[in-house]
């Protein structure tokens, strides 16, 4: 939420937003794996936020665990989507951050089409990213791993990541199918 905004006497623009208490999903995943119930509750909140954005025609384009904040409040943990710096309205024309044919995002969480052109992606790219995040949270590793963006892109195009059920046999088949479909 933006509570206030303005310009200082020196000409610096500012936004006033609430101070959130909690931690990033990335920090939480590296500290301690969450229970399935916790994780699915958080992802329900993430997907609800994405649905609200997508209903307004906005694509995040950089959904990843570091951009999900698990805010603590009186009701428990409330996931918050952060960092809309490269988000874009679907079909937006005119000047902007994204040039034709450029890839923008974090390779591990980018949908295949996003490597081709960040300008042309739609809500499905965010769904792909949410699936990659959920895979990582469940498997304890990203679906595609490398320090090289091109190697990740090649791996995404050439095949599926290891099946979740082969990594975590106790997971429900329906959950594994959902993640792989995303």
Protein backbone atom coordinates (compact mmCIF):
# COMPACT_ATOMS: atom_id res chain seq x y z
CA UNK A 1 0.00 0.00 0.00
CA UNK A 2 1.08 3.57 -0.61
CA UNK A 3 0.08 5.74 2.33
CA UNK A 4 1.46 9.04 1.05
CA UNK A 5 3.82 10.49 -1.53
CA UNK A 6 5.38 13.82 -2.30
CA UNK A 7 8.50 15.83 -2.96
CA UNK A 8 10.90 17.15 -0.34
CA UNK A 9 12.02 20.79 -0.24
CA UNK A 10 15.23 19.61 -1.94
CA UNK A 11 13.27 18.07 -4.83
CA UNK A 12 13.58 14.40 -3.89
CA UNK A 13 10.44 12.38 -4.58
CA UNK A 14 9.30 9.90 -1.96
CA UNK A 15 6.69 7.26 -1.18
CA UNK A 16 5.45 6.37 2.31
CA UNK A 17 4.58 2.71 2.72
CA UNK A 18 3.92 0.53 5.77
CA UNK A 19 6.86 -1.09 7.54
CA UNK A 20 6.36 -4.82 7.10
CA UNK A 21 7.56 -7.27 9.71
CA UNK A 22 8.50 -10.73 8.54
CA UNK A 23 10.88 -12.19 5.98
CA UNK A 24 11.22 -12.96 2.30
CA UNK A 25 10.11 -16.34 1.02
CA UNK A 26 13.69 -16.89 -0.17
CA UNK A 27 15.04 -16.41 3.37
CA UNK A 28 12.34 -18.65 4.82
CA UNK A 29 13.04 -21.44 2.33
CA UNK A 30 16.78 -21.33 3.02
CA UNK A 31 16.28 -21.22 6.79
CA UNK A 32 13.76 -24.04 7.20
CA UNK A 33 11.48 -25.87 4.78
CA UNK A 34 7.84 -24.99 5.50
CA UNK A 35 5.15 -27.57 6.03
CA UNK A 36 2.97 -28.36 3.02
CA UNK A 37 0.01 -26.67 4.74
CA UNK A 38 2.03 -23.47 5.37
CA UNK A 39 3.43 -23.43 1.86
CA UNK A 40 0.09 -23.98 0.16
CA UNK A 41 -1.47 -21.24 2.32
CA UNK A 42 1.25 -18.81 1.28
CA UNK A 43 0.96 -19.78 -2.37
CA UNK A 44 -2.80 -19.29 -2.22
CA UNK A 45 -2.09 -15.70 -1.13
CA UNK A 46 0.52 -15.24 -3.87
CA UNK A 47 -1.83 -16.59 -6.52
CA UNK A 48 -4.65 -14.40 -5.22
CA UNK A 49 -2.42 -11.35 -5.57
CA UNK A 50 -1.39 -12.42 -9.07
CA UNK A 51 -5.03 -12.95 -10.05
CA UNK A 52 -5.90 -9.43 -8.88
CA UNK A 53 -2.97 -8.01 -10.90
CA UNK A 54 -3.83 -10.04 -13.96
CA UNK A 55 -7.48 -8.90 -13.75
CA UNK A 56 -6.12 -5.36 -14.12
CA UNK A 57 -3.95 -6.42 -17.06
CA UNK A 58 -0.63 -6.20 -15.17
CA UNK A 59 2.10 -8.83 -15.54
CA UNK A 60 4.75 -8.91 -12.78
CA UNK A 61 7.53 -10.44 -14.96
CA UNK A 62 9.92 -11.06 -12.05
CA UNK A 63 8.05 -13.34 -9.69
CA UNK A 64 10.52 -15.22 -7.51
CA UNK A 65 10.93 -16.11 -3.82
CA UNK A 66 12.90 -12.89 -3.15
CA UNK A 67 9.88 -10.88 -4.37
CA UNK A 68 7.42 -12.56 -2.03
CA UNK A 69 7.42 -11.18 1.51
CA UNK A 70 5.84 -13.20 4.30
CA UNK A 71 4.47 -10.35 6.42
CA UNK A 72 3.56 -11.13 10.03
CA UNK A 73 0.41 -9.52 11.36
CA UNK A 74 -2.24 -10.26 13.99
CA UNK A 75 -3.83 -12.85 11.69
CA UNK A 76 -0.58 -14.72 11.02
CA UNK A 77 1.44 -14.69 7.80
CA UNK A 78 0.18 -12.65 4.85
CA UNK A 79 2.17 -13.03 1.61
CA UNK A 80 2.89 -9.75 -0.16
CA UNK A 81 4.11 -9.40 -3.74
CA UNK A 82 7.05 -6.99 -4.01
CA UNK A 83 9.20 -5.30 -6.63
CA UNK A 84 7.00 -4.19 -9.50
CA UNK A 85 9.97 -2.45 -11.12
CA UNK A 86 9.70 -4.40 -14.37
CA UNK A 87 5.98 -5.14 -14.31
CA UNK A 88 4.07 -4.16 -17.39
CA UNK A 89 0.49 -3.72 -18.48
CA UNK A 90 -0.38 -6.37 -21.09
CA UNK A 91 -0.43 -4.90 -24.59
CA UNK A 92 1.08 -1.59 -23.41
CA UNK A 93 2.45 0.50 -26.26
CA UNK A 94 5.01 3.25 -26.28
CA UNK A 95 8.26 3.99 -24.49
CA UNK A 96 9.23 1.86 -21.55
CA UNK A 97 11.91 -0.30 -20.02
CA UNK A 98 11.52 -3.17 -22.42
CA UNK A 99 13.01 -3.08 -25.89
CA UNK A 100 11.85 -5.55 -28.53
CA UNK A 101 13.62 -8.90 -28.29
CA UNK A 102 15.08 -8.38 -24.81
CA UNK A 103 14.77 -10.73 -21.87
CA UNK A 104 13.97 -9.22 -18.48
CA UNK A 105 13.61 -11.18 -15.26
CA UNK A 106 15.47 -13.75 -13.18
CA UNK A 107 16.41 -16.71 -15.41
CA UNK A 108 15.55 -19.49 -12.92
CA UNK A 109 11.97 -18.23 -12.75
CA UNK A 110 11.46 -17.01 -16.32
CA UNK A 111 8.97 -18.67 -18.64
CA UNK A 112 10.50 -19.85 -21.94
CA UNK A 113 8.78 -17.09 -23.94
CA UNK A 114 10.20 -14.48 -21.57
CA UNK A 115 13.72 -15.33 -22.76
CA UNK A 116 12.61 -14.41 -26.28
CA UNK A 117 10.89 -11.11 -25.49
CA UNK A 118 9.90 -9.69 -22.12
CA UNK A 119 7.66 -7.20 -23.92
CA UNK A 120 5.32 -9.85 -25.30
CA UNK A 121 4.70 -11.97 -22.19
CA UNK A 122 1.30 -12.21 -20.57
CA UNK A 123 -0.14 -13.58 -17.32
CA UNK A 124 0.88 -17.12 -18.27
CA UNK A 125 4.54 -16.17 -17.67
CA UNK A 126 3.71 -15.29 -14.05
CA UNK A 127 1.90 -18.63 -13.67
CA UNK A 128 5.03 -20.38 -14.96
CA UNK A 129 7.13 -18.45 -12.42
CA UNK A 130 4.73 -19.37 -9.60
CA UNK A 131 5.07 -23.02 -10.63
CA UNK A 132 8.86 -22.73 -10.56
CA UNK A 133 8.70 -21.18 -7.07
CA UNK A 134 6.38 -23.91 -5.80
CA UNK A 135 8.62 -26.59 -7.33
CA UNK A 136 11.64 -25.10 -5.56
CA UNK A 137 9.83 -24.89 -2.24
CA UNK A 138 8.68 -28.51 -2.47
CA UNK A 139 11.85 -30.02 -3.94
CA UNK A 140 14.40 -27.96 -2.02
CA UNK A 141 15.99 -26.95 -5.33
CA UNK A 142 15.06 -24.91 -8.38
CA UNK A 143 13.61 -26.86 -11.33
CA UNK A 144 16.48 -25.67 -13.52
CA UNK A 145 19.82 -24.82 -11.93
CA UNK A 146 22.89 -23.13 -13.37
CA UNK A 147 24.87 -19.92 -12.95
CA UNK A 148 24.53 -19.36 -16.69
CA UNK A 149 21.26 -17.87 -18.01
CA UNK A 150 21.73 -19.48 -21.43
CA UNK A 151 22.19 -22.92 -19.83
CA UNK A 152 18.94 -22.44 -17.92
CA UNK A 153 17.14 -21.35 -21.08
CA UNK A 154 18.49 -24.36 -22.97
CA UNK A 155 17.44 -26.72 -20.15
CA UNK A 156 13.93 -25.23 -20.09
CA UNK A 157 13.56 -25.70 -23.85
CA UNK A 158 15.06 -29.18 -23.92
CA UNK A 159 13.02 -30.89 -21.27
CA UNK A 160 11.20 -31.20 -18.03
CA UNK A 161 12.85 -30.87 -14.62
CA UNK A 162 13.04 -34.00 -12.47
CA UNK A 163 9.55 -35.12 -11.46
CA UNK A 164 8.62 -33.94 -7.97
CA UNK A 165 7.27 -37.35 -7.04
CA UNK A 166 10.73 -38.82 -7.71
CA UNK A 167 12.28 -36.28 -5.32
CA UNK A 168 9.54 -36.35 -2.67
CA UNK A 169 7.53 -39.56 -2.86
CA UNK A 170 5.21 -38.49 -0.04
CA UNK A 171 3.72 -35.63 -2.07
CA UNK A 172 0.21 -36.05 -3.44
CA UNK A 173 0.21 -36.96 -7.13
CA UNK A 174 -2.32 -34.17 -7.81
CA UNK A 175 -0.01 -31.55 -6.27
CA UNK A 176 2.93 -32.78 -8.35
CA UNK A 177 0.82 -32.67 -11.52
CA UNK A 178 -0.34 -29.13 -10.72
CA UNK A 179 3.22 -27.90 -10.26
CA UNK A 180 4.48 -29.56 -13.45
CA UNK A 181 1.53 -28.21 -15.43
CA UNK A 182 2.31 -24.66 -14.27
